[in-house]
PDB file of N, CA and C in Angstrom:
ATOM      1  N   UNK A   1     104.749  95.040  81.121  1.00  0.00           N
ATOM      2  CA  UNK A   1     104.165  95.608  82.330  1.00  0.00           C
ATOM      3  C   UNK A   1     104.058  94.489  83.363  1.00  0.00           C
ATOM      4  N   UNK A   2     104.406  94.815  84.599  1.00  0.00           N
ATOM      5  CA  UNK A   2     104.359  93.827  85.674  1.00  0.00           C
ATOM      6  C   UNK A   2     103.293  94.218  86.677  1.00  0.00           C
ATOM      7  N   UNK A   3     102.430  93.285  86.988  1.00  0.00           N
ATOM      8  CA  UNK A   3     101.400  93.485  88.007  1.00  0.00           C
ATOM      9  C   UNK A   3     102.043  93.246  89.361  1.00  0.00           C
ATOM     10  N   UNK A   4     101.906  94.225  90.250  1.00  0.00           N
ATOM     11  CA  UNK A   4     102.478  94.095  91.599  1.00  0.00           C
ATOM     12  C   UNK A   4     101.426  94.458  92.635  1.00  0.00           C
ATOM     13  N   UNK A   5     101.475  93.766  93.776  1.00  0.00           N
ATOM     14  CA  UNK A   5     100.522  94.080  94.840  1.00  0.00           C
ATOM     15  C   UNK A   5     101.176  94.257  96.190  1.00  0.00           C
ATOM     16  N   UNK A   6     102.513  94.309  96.203  1.00  0.00           N
ATOM     17  CA  UNK A   6     103.216  94.555  97.454  1.00  0.00           C
ATOM     18  C   UNK A   6     104.534  95.244  97.154  1.00  0.00           C
ATOM     19  N   UNK A   7     105.111  95.834  98.177  1.00  0.00           N
ATOM     20  CA  UNK A   7     106.397  96.492  98.027  1.00  0.00           C
ATOM     21  C   UNK A   7     107.457  95.478  97.601  1.00  0.00           C
ATOM     22  N   UNK A   8     107.415  94.300  98.184  1.00  0.00           N
ATOM     23  CA  UNK A   8     108.374  93.249  97.823  1.00  0.00           C
ATOM     24  C   UNK A   8     108.242  92.874  96.349  1.00  0.00           C
ATOM     25  N   UNK A   9     107.020  92.669  95.878  1.00  0.00           N
ATOM     26  CA  UNK A   9     106.794  92.355  94.453  1.00  0.00           C
ATOM     27  C   UNK A   9     107.342  93.454  93.560  1.00  0.00           C
ATOM     28  N   UNK A  10     107.083  94.692  93.924  1.00  0.00           N
ATOM     29  CA  UNK A  10     107.520  95.823  93.113  1.00  0.00           C
ATOM     30  C   UNK A  10     109.048  95.930  93.102  1.00  0.00           C
ATOM     31  N   UNK A  11     109.677  95.719  94.230  1.00  0.00           N
ATOM     32  CA  UNK A  11     111.144  95.747  94.284  1.00  0.00           C
ATOM     33  C   UNK A  11     111.741  94.715  93.343  1.00  0.00           C
ATOM     34  N   UNK A  12     111.199  93.504  93.398  1.00  0.00           N
ATOM     35  CA  UNK A  12     111.695  92.431  92.527  1.00  0.00           C
ATOM     36  C   UNK A  12     111.503  92.822  91.063  1.00  0.00           C
ATOM     37  N   UNK A  13     110.331  93.332  90.723  1.00  0.00           N
ATOM     38  CA  UNK A  13     110.057  93.713  89.338  1.00  0.00           C
ATOM     39  C   UNK A  13     111.029  94.782  88.849  1.00  0.00           C
ATOM     40  N   UNK A  14     111.270  95.795  89.667  1.00  0.00           N
ATOM     41  CA  UNK A  14     112.194  96.859  89.264  1.00  0.00           C
ATOM     42  C   UNK A  14     113.626  96.339  89.166  1.00  0.00           C
ATOM     43  N   UNK A  15     113.998  95.465  90.074  1.00  0.00           N
ATOM     44  CA  UNK A  15     115.331  94.861  90.029  1.00  0.00           C
ATOM     45  C   UNK A  15     115.502  94.012  88.768  1.00  0.00           C
ATOM     46  N   UNK A  16     114.421  93.375  88.318  1.00  0.00           N
ATOM     47  CA  UNK A  16     114.458  92.564  87.097  1.00  0.00           C
ATOM     48  C   UNK A  16     114.434  93.413  85.830  1.00  0.00           C
ATOM     49  N   UNK A  17     114.278  94.721  85.980  1.00  0.00           N
ATOM     50  CA  UNK A  17     114.329  95.608  84.822  1.00  0.00           C
ATOM     51  C   UNK A  17     112.998  96.108  84.299  1.00  0.00           C
ATOM     52  N   UNK A  18     111.907  95.732  84.932  1.00  0.00           N
ATOM     53  CA  UNK A  18     110.606  96.251  84.505  1.00  0.00           C
ATOM     54  C   UNK A  18     110.529  97.738  84.841  1.00  0.00           C
ATOM     55  N   UNK A  19     109.995  98.525  83.928  1.00  0.00           N
ATOM     56  CA  UNK A  19     109.842  99.963  84.181  1.00  0.00           C
ATOM     57  C   UNK A  19     108.381 100.382  84.171  1.00  0.00           C
ATOM     58  N   UNK A  20     107.497  99.468  83.824  1.00  0.00           N
ATOM     59  CA  UNK A  20     106.056  99.737  83.856  1.00  0.00           C
ATOM     60  C   UNK A  20     105.409  98.775  84.830  1.00  0.00           C
ATOM     61  N   UNK A  21     104.901  99.330  85.919  1.00  0.00           N
ATOM     62  CA  UNK A  21     104.243  98.535  86.951  1.00  0.00           C
ATOM     63  C   UNK A  21     102.776  98.920  87.006  1.00  0.00           C
ATOM     64  N   UNK A  22     101.945  97.986  87.432  1.00  0.00           N
ATOM     65  CA  UNK A  22     100.532  98.306  87.635  1.00  0.00           C
ATOM     66  C   UNK A  22      99.990  97.466  88.784  1.00  0.00           C
ATOM     67  N   UNK A  23      98.922  97.965  89.346  1.00  0.00           N
ATOM     68  CA  UNK A  23      98.241  97.220  90.409  1.00  0.00           C
ATOM     69  C   UNK A  23      97.389  96.138  89.763  1.00  0.00           C
ATOM     70  N   UNK A  24      96.978  95.148  90.544  1.00  0.00           N
ATOM     71  CA  UNK A  24      96.015  94.170  90.022  1.00  0.00           C
ATOM     72  C   UNK A  24      94.669  94.857  89.741  1.00  0.00           C
ATOM     73  N   UNK A  25      93.816  94.228  88.940  1.00  0.00           N
ATOM     74  CA  UNK A  25      92.493  94.803  88.683  1.00  0.00           C
ATOM     75  C   UNK A  25      91.731  95.059  89.993  1.00  0.00           C
ATOM     76  N   UNK A  26      91.092  96.211  90.067  1.00  0.00           N
ATOM     77  CA  UNK A  26      90.263  96.625  91.213  1.00  0.00           C
ATOM     78  C   UNK A  26      91.066  96.792  92.509  1.00  0.00           C
ATOM     79  N   UNK A  27      92.381  96.876  92.423  1.00  0.00           N
ATOM     80  CA  UNK A  27      93.219  96.916  93.621  1.00  0.00           C
ATOM     81  C   UNK A  27      92.913  98.096  94.541  1.00  0.00           C
ATOM     82  N   UNK A  28      92.685  99.252  93.963  1.00  0.00           N
ATOM     83  CA  UNK A  28      92.407 100.424  94.806  1.00  0.00           C
ATOM     84  C   UNK A  28      91.105 100.262  95.569  1.00  0.00           C
ATOM     85  N   UNK A  29      90.186  99.471  95.031  1.00  0.00           N
ATOM     86  CA  UNK A  29      88.909  99.209  95.710  1.00  0.00           C
ATOM     87  C   UNK A  29      89.095  98.286  96.909  1.00  0.00           C
ATOM     88  N   UNK A  30      90.109  97.461  96.851  1.00  0.00           N
ATOM     89  CA  UNK A  30      90.333  96.481  97.916  1.00  0.00           C
ATOM     90  C   UNK A  30      91.364  96.961  98.938  1.00  0.00           C
ATOM     91  N   UNK A  31      92.539  97.310  98.482  1.00  0.00           N
ATOM     92  CA  UNK A  31      93.609  97.712  99.404  1.00  0.00           C
ATOM     93  C   UNK A  31      93.523  99.189  99.757  1.00  0.00           C
ATOM     94  N   UNK A  32      92.932  99.977  98.901  1.00  0.00           N
ATOM     95  CA  UNK A  32      92.807 101.405  99.145  1.00  0.00           C
ATOM     96  C   UNK A  32      93.882 102.210  98.431  1.00  0.00           C
ATOM     97  N   UNK A  33      93.537 103.429  98.087  1.00  0.00           N
ATOM     98  CA  UNK A  33      94.465 104.314  97.384  1.00  0.00           C
ATOM     99  C   UNK A  33      95.667 104.636  98.264  1.00  0.00           C
ATOM    100  N   UNK A  34      95.446 104.816  99.553  1.00  0.00           N
ATOM    101  CA  UNK A  34      96.559 105.161 100.438  1.00  0.00           C
ATOM    102  C   UNK A  34      97.608 104.053 100.514  1.00  0.00           C
ATOM    103  N   UNK A  35      97.190 102.811 100.444  1.00  0.00           N
ATOM    104  CA  UNK A  35      98.142 101.692 100.434  1.00  0.00           C
ATOM    105  C   UNK A  35      99.083 101.829  99.239  1.00  0.00           C
ATOM    106  N   UNK A  36      98.501 102.059  98.058  1.00  0.00           N
ATOM    107  CA  UNK A  36      99.329 102.174  96.858  1.00  0.00           C
ATOM    108  C   UNK A  36     100.096 103.490  96.817  1.00  0.00           C
ATOM    109  N   UNK A  37      99.583 104.514  97.450  1.00  0.00           N
ATOM    110  CA  UNK A  37     100.312 105.766  97.556  1.00  0.00           C
ATOM    111  C   UNK A  37     101.584 105.570  98.386  1.00  0.00           C
ATOM    112  N   UNK A  38     101.466 104.855  99.492  1.00  0.00           N
ATOM    113  CA  UNK A  38     102.628 104.565 100.334  1.00  0.00           C
ATOM    114  C   UNK A  38     103.615 103.650  99.606  1.00  0.00           C
ATOM    115  N   UNK A  39     103.098 102.660  98.890  1.00  0.00           N
ATOM    116  CA  UNK A  39     103.957 101.762  98.116  1.00  0.00           C
ATOM    117  C   UNK A  39     104.742 102.561  97.077  1.00  0.00           C
ATOM    118  N   UNK A  40     104.066 103.436  96.362  1.00  0.00           N
ATOM    119  CA  UNK A  40     104.712 104.243  95.334  1.00  0.00           C
ATOM    120  C   UNK A  40     105.753 105.190  95.928  1.00  0.00           C
ATOM    121  N   UNK A  41     105.440 105.794  97.060  1.00  0.00           N
ATOM    122  CA  UNK A  41     106.399 106.690  97.717  1.00  0.00           C
ATOM    123  C   UNK A  41     107.665 105.933  98.128  1.00  0.00           C
ATOM    124  N   UNK A  42     107.489 104.730  98.665  1.00  0.00           N
ATOM    125  CA  UNK A  42     108.652 103.924  99.057  1.00  0.00           C
ATOM    126  C   UNK A  42     109.489 103.553  97.835  1.00  0.00           C
ATOM    127  N   UNK A  43     108.845 103.192  96.746  1.00  0.00           N
ATOM    128  CA  UNK A  43     109.583 102.834  95.530  1.00  0.00           C
ATOM    129  C   UNK A  43     110.355 104.025  94.973  1.00  0.00           C
ATOM    130  N   UNK A  44     109.746 105.193  95.014  1.00  0.00           N
ATOM    131  CA  UNK A  44     110.442 106.392  94.519  1.00  0.00           C
ATOM    132  C   UNK A  44     111.664 106.712  95.363  1.00  0.00           C
ATOM    133  N   UNK A  45     111.590 106.448  96.665  1.00  0.00           N
ATOM    134  CA  UNK A  45     112.755 106.665  97.535  1.00  0.00           C
ATOM    135  C   UNK A  45     113.853 105.644  97.238  1.00  0.00           C
ATOM    136  N   UNK A  46     113.465 104.391  97.034  1.00  0.00           N
ATOM    137  CA  UNK A  46     114.433 103.317  96.835  1.00  0.00           C
ATOM    138  C   UNK A  46     114.999 103.258  95.424  1.00  0.00           C
ATOM    139  N   UNK A  47     114.229 103.709  94.442  1.00  0.00           N
ATOM    140  CA  UNK A  47     114.645 103.635  93.041  1.00  0.00           C
ATOM    141  C   UNK A  47     114.491 105.012  92.377  1.00  0.00           C
ATOM    142  N   UNK A  48     115.178 106.035  92.895  1.00  0.00           N
ATOM    143  CA  UNK A  48     114.942 107.396  92.411  1.00  0.00           C
ATOM    144  C   UNK A  48     115.335 107.624  90.948  1.00  0.00           C
ATOM    145  N   UNK A  49     116.282 106.882  90.440  1.00  0.00           N
ATOM    146  CA  UNK A  49     116.752 107.106  89.067  1.00  0.00           C
ATOM    147  C   UNK A  49     116.144 106.131  88.064  1.00  0.00           C
ATOM    148  N   UNK A  50     115.218 105.297  88.501  1.00  0.00           N
ATOM    149  CA  UNK A  50     114.685 104.248  87.643  1.00  0.00           C
ATOM    150  C   UNK A  50     113.776 104.764  86.538  1.00  0.00           C
ATOM    151  N   UNK A  51     112.977 105.777  86.814  1.00  0.00           N
ATOM    152  CA  UNK A  51     112.056 106.303  85.819  1.00  0.00           C
ATOM    153  C   UNK A  51     110.867 105.402  85.541  1.00  0.00           C
ATOM    154  N   UNK A  52     110.504 104.562  86.487  1.00  0.00           N
ATOM    155  CA  UNK A  52     109.383 103.642  86.300  1.00  0.00           C
ATOM    156  C   UNK A  52     108.048 104.382  86.330  1.00  0.00           C
ATOM    157  N   UNK A  53     107.031 103.732  85.776  1.00  0.00           N
ATOM    158  CA  UNK A  53     105.666 104.254  85.868  1.00  0.00           C
ATOM    159  C   UNK A  53     104.822 103.249  86.647  1.00  0.00           C
ATOM    160  N   UNK A  54     103.778 103.759  87.285  1.00  0.00           N
ATOM    161  CA  UNK A  54     102.877 102.906  88.046  1.00  0.00           C
ATOM    162  C   UNK A  54     101.441 103.286  87.703  1.00  0.00           C
ATOM    163  N   UNK A  55     100.644 102.300  87.332  1.00  0.00           N
ATOM    164  CA  UNK A  55      99.243 102.517  86.989  1.00  0.00           C
ATOM    165  C   UNK A  55      98.360 101.869  88.047  1.00  0.00           C
ATOM    166  N   UNK A  56      97.434 102.656  88.592  1.00  0.00           N
ATOM    167  CA  UNK A  56      96.543 102.174  89.638  1.00  0.00           C
ATOM    168  C   UNK A  56      95.170 101.872  89.057  1.00  0.00           C
ATOM    169  N   UNK A  57      94.698 100.649  89.266  1.00  0.00           N
ATOM    170  CA  UNK A  57      93.367 100.244  88.789  1.00  0.00           C
ATOM    171  C   UNK A  57      92.323 100.503  89.881  1.00  0.00           C
ATOM    172  N   UNK A  58      91.327 101.297  89.530  1.00  0.00           N
ATOM    173  CA  UNK A  58      90.252 101.655  90.457  1.00  0.00           C
ATOM    174  C   UNK A  58      88.944 100.948  90.119  1.00  0.00           C
ATOM    175  N   UNK A  59      89.032  99.911  89.294  1.00  0.00           N
ATOM    176  CA  UNK A  59      87.835  99.161  88.926  1.00  0.00           C
ATOM    177  C   UNK A  59      86.831 100.051  88.230  1.00  0.00           C
ATOM    178  N   UNK A  60      85.590 100.048  88.722  1.00  0.00           N
ATOM    179  CA  UNK A  60      84.551 100.893  88.134  1.00  0.00           C
ATOM    180  C   UNK A  60      84.097 101.983  89.105  1.00  0.00           C
ATOM    181  N   UNK A  61      84.936 102.263  90.091  1.00  0.00           N
ATOM    182  CA  UNK A  61      84.571 103.207  91.151  1.00  0.00           C
ATOM    183  C   UNK A  61      85.147 104.599  90.877  1.00  0.00           C
ATOM    184  N   UNK A  62      84.306 105.506  90.412  1.00  0.00           N
ATOM    185  CA  UNK A  62      84.725 106.859  90.073  1.00  0.00           C
ATOM    186  C   UNK A  62      85.248 107.621  91.291  1.00  0.00           C
ATOM    187  N   UNK A  63      84.658 107.405  92.443  1.00  0.00           N
ATOM    188  CA  UNK A  63      85.099 108.117  93.649  1.00  0.00           C
ATOM    189  C   UNK A  63      86.522 107.716  94.020  1.00  0.00           C
ATOM    190  N   UNK A  64      86.830 106.454  93.872  1.00  0.00           N
ATOM    191  CA  UNK A  64      88.194 105.996  94.177  1.00  0.00           C
ATOM    192  C   UNK A  64      89.165 106.543  93.133  1.00  0.00           C
ATOM    193  N   UNK A  65      88.762 106.554  91.868  1.00  0.00           N
ATOM    194  CA  UNK A  65      89.619 107.125  90.825  1.00  0.00           C
ATOM    195  C   UNK A  65      89.870 108.607  91.096  1.00  0.00           C
ATOM    196  N   UNK A  66      88.839 109.327  91.512  1.00  0.00           N
ATOM    197  CA  UNK A  66      89.000 110.741  91.845  1.00  0.00           C
ATOM    198  C   UNK A  66      89.967 110.901  93.018  1.00  0.00           C
ATOM    199  N   UNK A  67      89.849 110.044  94.007  1.00  0.00           N
ATOM    200  CA  UNK A  67      90.755 110.080  95.145  1.00  0.00           C
ATOM    201  C   UNK A  67      92.195 109.826  94.689  1.00  0.00           C
ATOM    202  N   UNK A  68      92.383 108.873  93.790  1.00  0.00           N
ATOM    203  CA  UNK A  68      93.725 108.580  93.274  1.00  0.00           C
ATOM    204  C   UNK A  68      94.306 109.807  92.575  1.00  0.00           C
ATOM    205  N   UNK A  69      93.507 110.477  91.777  1.00  0.00           N
ATOM    206  CA  UNK A  69      93.978 111.694  91.104  1.00  0.00           C
ATOM    207  C   UNK A  69      94.293 112.780  92.126  1.00  0.00           C
ATOM    208  N   UNK A  70      93.436 112.914  93.121  1.00  0.00           N
ATOM    209  CA  UNK A  70      93.645 113.928  94.169  1.00  0.00           C
ATOM    210  C   UNK A  70      94.944 113.690  94.916  1.00  0.00           C
ATOM    211  N   UNK A  71      95.298 112.408  95.084  1.00  0.00           N
ATOM    212  CA  UNK A  71      96.523 112.068  95.814  1.00  0.00           C
ATOM    213  C   UNK A  71      97.763 112.042  94.921  1.00  0.00           C
ATOM    214  N   UNK A  72      97.594 112.382  93.647  1.00  0.00           N
ATOM    215  CA  UNK A  72      98.755 112.557  92.791  1.00  0.00           C
ATOM    216  C   UNK A  72      99.115 111.418  91.865  1.00  0.00           C
ATOM    217  N   UNK A  73      98.270 110.399  91.759  1.00  0.00           N
ATOM    218  CA  UNK A  73      98.559 109.334  90.798  1.00  0.00           C
ATOM    219  C   UNK A  73      98.442 109.918  89.390  1.00  0.00           C
ATOM    220  N   UNK A  74      99.360 109.547  88.517  1.00  0.00           N
ATOM    221  CA  UNK A  74      99.347 110.107  87.167  1.00  0.00           C
ATOM    222  C   UNK A  74      98.867 109.114  86.113  1.00  0.00           C
ATOM    223  N   UNK A  75      98.722 107.850  86.485  1.00  0.00           N
ATOM    224  CA  UNK A  75      98.185 106.832  85.576  1.00  0.00           C
ATOM    225  C   UNK A  75      97.104 106.061  86.337  1.00  0.00           C
ATOM    226  N   UNK A  76      95.862 106.259  85.934  1.00  0.00           N
ATOM    227  CA  UNK A  76      94.726 105.669  86.641  1.00  0.00           C
ATOM    228  C   UNK A  76      93.830 104.952  85.636  1.00  0.00           C
ATOM    229  N   UNK A  77      93.397 103.750  86.011  1.00  0.00           N
ATOM    230  CA  UNK A  77      92.429 102.991  85.211  1.00  0.00           C
ATOM    231  C   UNK A  77      91.082 103.015  85.920  1.00  0.00           C
ATOM    232  N   UNK A  78      89.998 103.227  85.148  1.00  0.00           N
ATOM    233  CA  UNK A  78      88.661 103.221  85.739  1.00  0.00           C
ATOM    234  C   UNK A  78      87.619 102.952  84.655  1.00  0.00           C
ATOM    235  N   UNK A  79      86.647 102.125  84.964  1.00  0.00           N
ATOM    236  CA  UNK A  79      85.572 101.791  84.031  1.00  0.00           C
ATOM    237  C   UNK A  79      84.233 102.346  84.491  1.00  0.00           C
ATOM    238  N   UNK A  80      84.223 103.542  85.007  1.00  0.00           N
ATOM    239  CA  UNK A  80      82.961 104.134  85.450  1.00  0.00           C
ATOM    240  C   UNK A  80      82.108 104.529  84.238  1.00  0.00           C
ATOM    241  N   UNK A  81      80.876 104.961  84.504  1.00  0.00           N
ATOM    242  CA  UNK A  81      79.959 105.292  83.419  1.00  0.00           C
ATOM    243  C   UNK A  81      80.503 106.467  82.596  1.00  0.00           C
ATOM    244  N   UNK A  82      80.195 106.515  81.306  1.00  0.00           N
ATOM    245  CA  UNK A  82      80.825 107.464  80.380  1.00  0.00           C
ATOM    246  C   UNK A  82      80.789 108.938  80.789  1.00  0.00           C
ATOM    247  N   UNK A  83      79.664 109.414  81.265  1.00  0.00           N
ATOM    248  CA  UNK A  83      79.573 110.838  81.631  1.00  0.00           C
ATOM    249  C   UNK A  83      80.555 111.183  82.747  1.00  0.00           C
ATOM    250  N   UNK A  84      80.616 110.335  83.748  1.00  0.00           N
ATOM    251  CA  UNK A  84      81.537 110.556  84.868  1.00  0.00           C
ATOM    252  C   UNK A  84      82.982 110.362  84.412  1.00  0.00           C
ATOM    253  N   UNK A  85      83.206 109.380  83.554  1.00  0.00           N
ATOM    254  CA  UNK A  85      84.551 109.146  83.034  1.00  0.00           C
ATOM    255  C   UNK A  85      85.078 110.407  82.346  1.00  0.00           C
ATOM    256  N   UNK A  86      84.253 111.048  81.540  1.00  0.00           N
ATOM    257  CA  UNK A  86      84.685 112.258  80.832  1.00  0.00           C
ATOM    258  C   UNK A  86      85.044 113.378  81.813  1.00  0.00           C
ATOM    259  N   UNK A  87      84.254 113.521  82.874  1.00  0.00           N
ATOM    260  CA  UNK A  87      84.563 114.539  83.882  1.00  0.00           C
ATOM    261  C   UNK A  87      85.888 114.229  84.572  1.00  0.00           C
ATOM    262  N   UNK A  88      86.085 112.959  84.931  1.00  0.00           N
ATOM    263  CA  UNK A  88      87.337 112.563  85.568  1.00  0.00           C
ATOM    264  C   UNK A  88      88.514 112.731  84.615  1.00  0.00           C
ATOM    265  N   UNK A  89      88.311 112.430  83.339  1.00  0.00           N
ATOM    266  CA  UNK A  89      89.375 112.581  82.351  1.00  0.00           C
ATOM    267  C   UNK A  89      89.799 114.046  82.242  1.00  0.00           C
ATOM    268  N   UNK A  90      88.840 114.961  82.341  1.00  0.00           N
ATOM    269  CA  UNK A  90      89.165 116.390  82.315  1.00  0.00           C
ATOM    270  C   UNK A  90      89.978 116.786  83.540  1.00  0.00           C
ATOM    271  N   UNK A  91      89.598 116.262  84.698  1.00  0.00           N
ATOM    272  CA  UNK A  91      90.360 116.529  85.922  1.00  0.00           C
ATOM    273  C   UNK A  91      91.779 115.984  85.774  1.00  0.00           C
ATOM    274  N   UNK A  92      91.884 114.756  85.287  1.00  0.00           N
ATOM    275  CA  UNK A  92      93.196 114.138  85.095  1.00  0.00           C
ATOM    276  C   UNK A  92      94.055 114.980  84.159  1.00  0.00           C
ATOM    277  N   UNK A  93      93.489 115.376  83.027  1.00  0.00           N
ATOM    278  CA  UNK A  93      94.246 116.162  82.051  1.00  0.00           C
ATOM    279  C   UNK A  93      94.719 117.488  82.642  1.00  0.00           C
ATOM    280  N   UNK A  94      93.874 118.107  83.470  1.00  0.00           N
ATOM    281  CA  UNK A  94      94.263 119.389  84.077  1.00  0.00           C
ATOM    282  C   UNK A  94      95.432 119.234  85.049  1.00  0.00           C
ATOM    283  N   UNK A  95      95.660 118.008  85.501  1.00  0.00           N
ATOM    284  CA  UNK A  95      96.756 117.722  86.431  1.00  0.00           C
ATOM    285  C   UNK A  95      97.951 117.083  85.726  1.00  0.00           C
ATOM    286  N   UNK A  96      97.844 116.897  84.428  1.00  0.00           N
ATOM    287  CA  UNK A  96      98.915 116.230  83.704  1.00  0.00           C
ATOM    288  C   UNK A  96      98.892 114.723  83.885  1.00  0.00           C
ATOM    289  N   UNK A  97      97.744 114.184  84.268  1.00  0.00           N
ATOM    290  CA  UNK A  97      97.593 112.743  84.500  1.00  0.00           C
ATOM    291  C   UNK A  97      96.773 112.130  83.369  1.00  0.00           C
ATOM    292  N   UNK A  98      96.734 110.809  83.343  1.00  0.00           N
ATOM    293  CA  UNK A  98      95.923 110.116  82.346  1.00  0.00           C
ATOM    294  C   UNK A  98      94.933 109.199  83.047  1.00  0.00           C
ATOM    295  N   UNK A  99      93.734 109.194  82.533  1.00  0.00           N
ATOM    296  CA  UNK A  99      92.682 108.286  82.992  1.00  0.00           C
ATOM    297  C   UNK A  99      92.320 107.414  81.803  1.00  0.00           C
ATOM    298  N   UNK A 100      92.403 106.106  81.990  1.00  0.00           N
ATOM    299  CA  UNK A 100      92.151 105.150  80.913  1.00  0.00           C
ATOM    300  C   UNK A 100      91.127 104.138  81.376  1.00  0.00           C
ATOM    301  N   UNK A 101      90.349 103.655  80.447  1.00  0.00           N
ATOM    302  CA  UNK A 101      89.425 102.564  80.769  1.00  0.00           C
ATOM    303  C   UNK A 101      90.213 101.270  80.841  1.00  0.00           C
ATOM    304  N   UNK A 102      89.839 100.416  81.781  1.00  0.00           N
ATOM    305  CA  UNK A 102      90.517  99.121  81.904  1.00  0.00           C
ATOM    306  C   UNK A 102      90.406  98.341  80.609  1.00  0.00           C
ATOM    307  N   UNK A 103      89.282  98.458  79.948  1.00  0.00           N
ATOM    308  CA  UNK A 103      89.084  97.709  78.714  1.00  0.00           C
ATOM    309  C   UNK A 103      90.031  98.160  77.610  1.00  0.00           C
ATOM    310  N   UNK A 104      90.620  99.354  77.748  1.00  0.00           N
ATOM    311  CA  UNK A 104      91.577  99.856  76.766  1.00  0.00           C
ATOM    312  C   UNK A 104      93.016  99.581  77.187  1.00  0.00           C
ATOM    313  N   UNK A 105      93.195  98.976  78.316  1.00  0.00           N
ATOM    314  CA  UNK A 105      94.531  98.688  78.817  1.00  0.00           C
ATOM    315  C   UNK A 105      94.691  97.174  78.925  1.00  0.00           C
ATOM    316  N   UNK A 106      95.887  96.757  79.235  1.00  0.00           N
ATOM    317  CA  UNK A 106      96.124  95.326  79.406  1.00  0.00           C
ATOM    318  C   UNK A 106      95.391  94.817  80.630  1.00  0.00           C
ATOM    319  N   UNK A 107      94.716  93.708  80.494  1.00  0.00           N
ATOM    320  CA  UNK A 107      94.121  93.020  81.623  1.00  0.00           C
ATOM    321  C   UNK A 107      95.225  92.207  82.288  1.00  0.00           C
ATOM    322  N   UNK A 108      95.143  91.999  83.553  1.00  0.00           N
ATOM    323  CA  UNK A 108      96.205  91.286  84.273  1.00  0.00           C
ATOM    324  C   UNK A 108      96.471  89.910  83.681  1.00  0.00           C
ATOM    325  N   UNK A 109      95.463  89.286  83.114  1.00  0.00           N
ATOM    326  CA  UNK A 109      95.665  87.956  82.544  1.00  0.00           C
ATOM    327  C   UNK A 109      96.411  88.012  81.223  1.00  0.00           C
ATOM    328  N   UNK A 110      96.560  89.192  80.641  1.00  0.00           N
ATOM    329  CA  UNK A 110      97.253  89.332  79.372  1.00  0.00           C
ATOM    330  C   UNK A 110      98.703  89.752  79.537  1.00  0.00           C
ATOM    331  N   UNK A 111      99.128  90.029  80.745  1.00  0.00           N
ATOM    332  CA  UNK A 111     100.514  90.445  80.952  1.00  0.00           C
ATOM    333  C   UNK A 111     101.446  89.291  80.631  1.00  0.00           C
ATOM    334  N   UNK A 112     102.530  89.604  79.972  1.00  0.00           N
ATOM    335  CA  UNK A 112     103.465  88.560  79.578  1.00  0.00           C
ATOM    336  C   UNK A 112     104.384  88.147  80.721  1.00  0.00           C
ATOM    337  N   UNK A 113     104.505  88.997  81.718  1.00  0.00           N
ATOM    338  CA  UNK A 113     105.384  88.671  82.838  1.00  0.00           C
ATOM    339  C   UNK A 113     104.767  87.564  83.686  1.00  0.00           C
ATOM    340  N   UNK A 114     105.642  86.771  84.275  1.00  0.00           N
ATOM    341  CA  UNK A 114     105.165  85.732  85.189  1.00  0.00           C
ATOM    342  C   UNK A 114     104.586  86.382  86.433  1.00  0.00           C
ATOM    343  N   UNK A 115     103.520  85.821  86.977  1.00  0.00           N
ATOM    344  CA  UNK A 115     102.970  86.363  88.220  1.00  0.00           C
ATOM    345  C   UNK A 115     104.003  86.247  89.350  1.00  0.00           C
ATOM    346  N   UNK A 116     103.970  87.193  90.253  1.00  0.00           N
ATOM    347  CA  UNK A 116     104.891  87.162  91.387  1.00  0.00           C
ATOM    348  C   UNK A 116     104.454  86.037  92.334  1.00  0.00           C
ATOM    349  N   UNK A 117     105.405  85.309  92.877  1.00  0.00           N
ATOM    350  CA  UNK A 117     105.064  84.208  93.765  1.00  0.00           C
ATOM    351  C   UNK A 117     105.512  84.437  95.192  1.00  0.00           C
ATOM    352  N   UNK A 118     106.272  85.478  95.462  1.00  0.00           N
ATOM    353  CA  UNK A 118     106.736  85.684  96.837  1.00  0.00           C
ATOM    354  C   UNK A 118     105.871  86.660  97.563  1.00  0.00           C
TER     355      UNK A 118
END
C-alpha cells in the first residue's frame, strides 16, 4: 500500500505498479474530503483500467467519515467512539463500502513503500 497526498504522488505510485493507495493519517481532517474526492476522480479518469483502491483516513472524526461515505468513498478509516463506529459501519455496509478502524489497518509508518519525495 502506498501513502499518497497529492495527484502527482498518486500518479507515480500507480505508474510504479501500486494498486492499493491510501491517504496519510487524518488526511481528510486536514485537506478535506472534497480534496481527496477530486484526486480520486482525476485518477479514475487517468487510470480507468488500473483497478486500484483508495482508502481515506478520517482520523477520529465520525462526521468526516460520514461525509466520505456520503460522497462515495468505499474504503474509509475512522477511530471514532464504538457506538458511533457501529452506526457508521452499518451505513457503509448498506452502500457496499467498508469502514475500518485505523488501529486495524496499516499505520503510515508501517508501509513498506518508500515515502514520496516529489
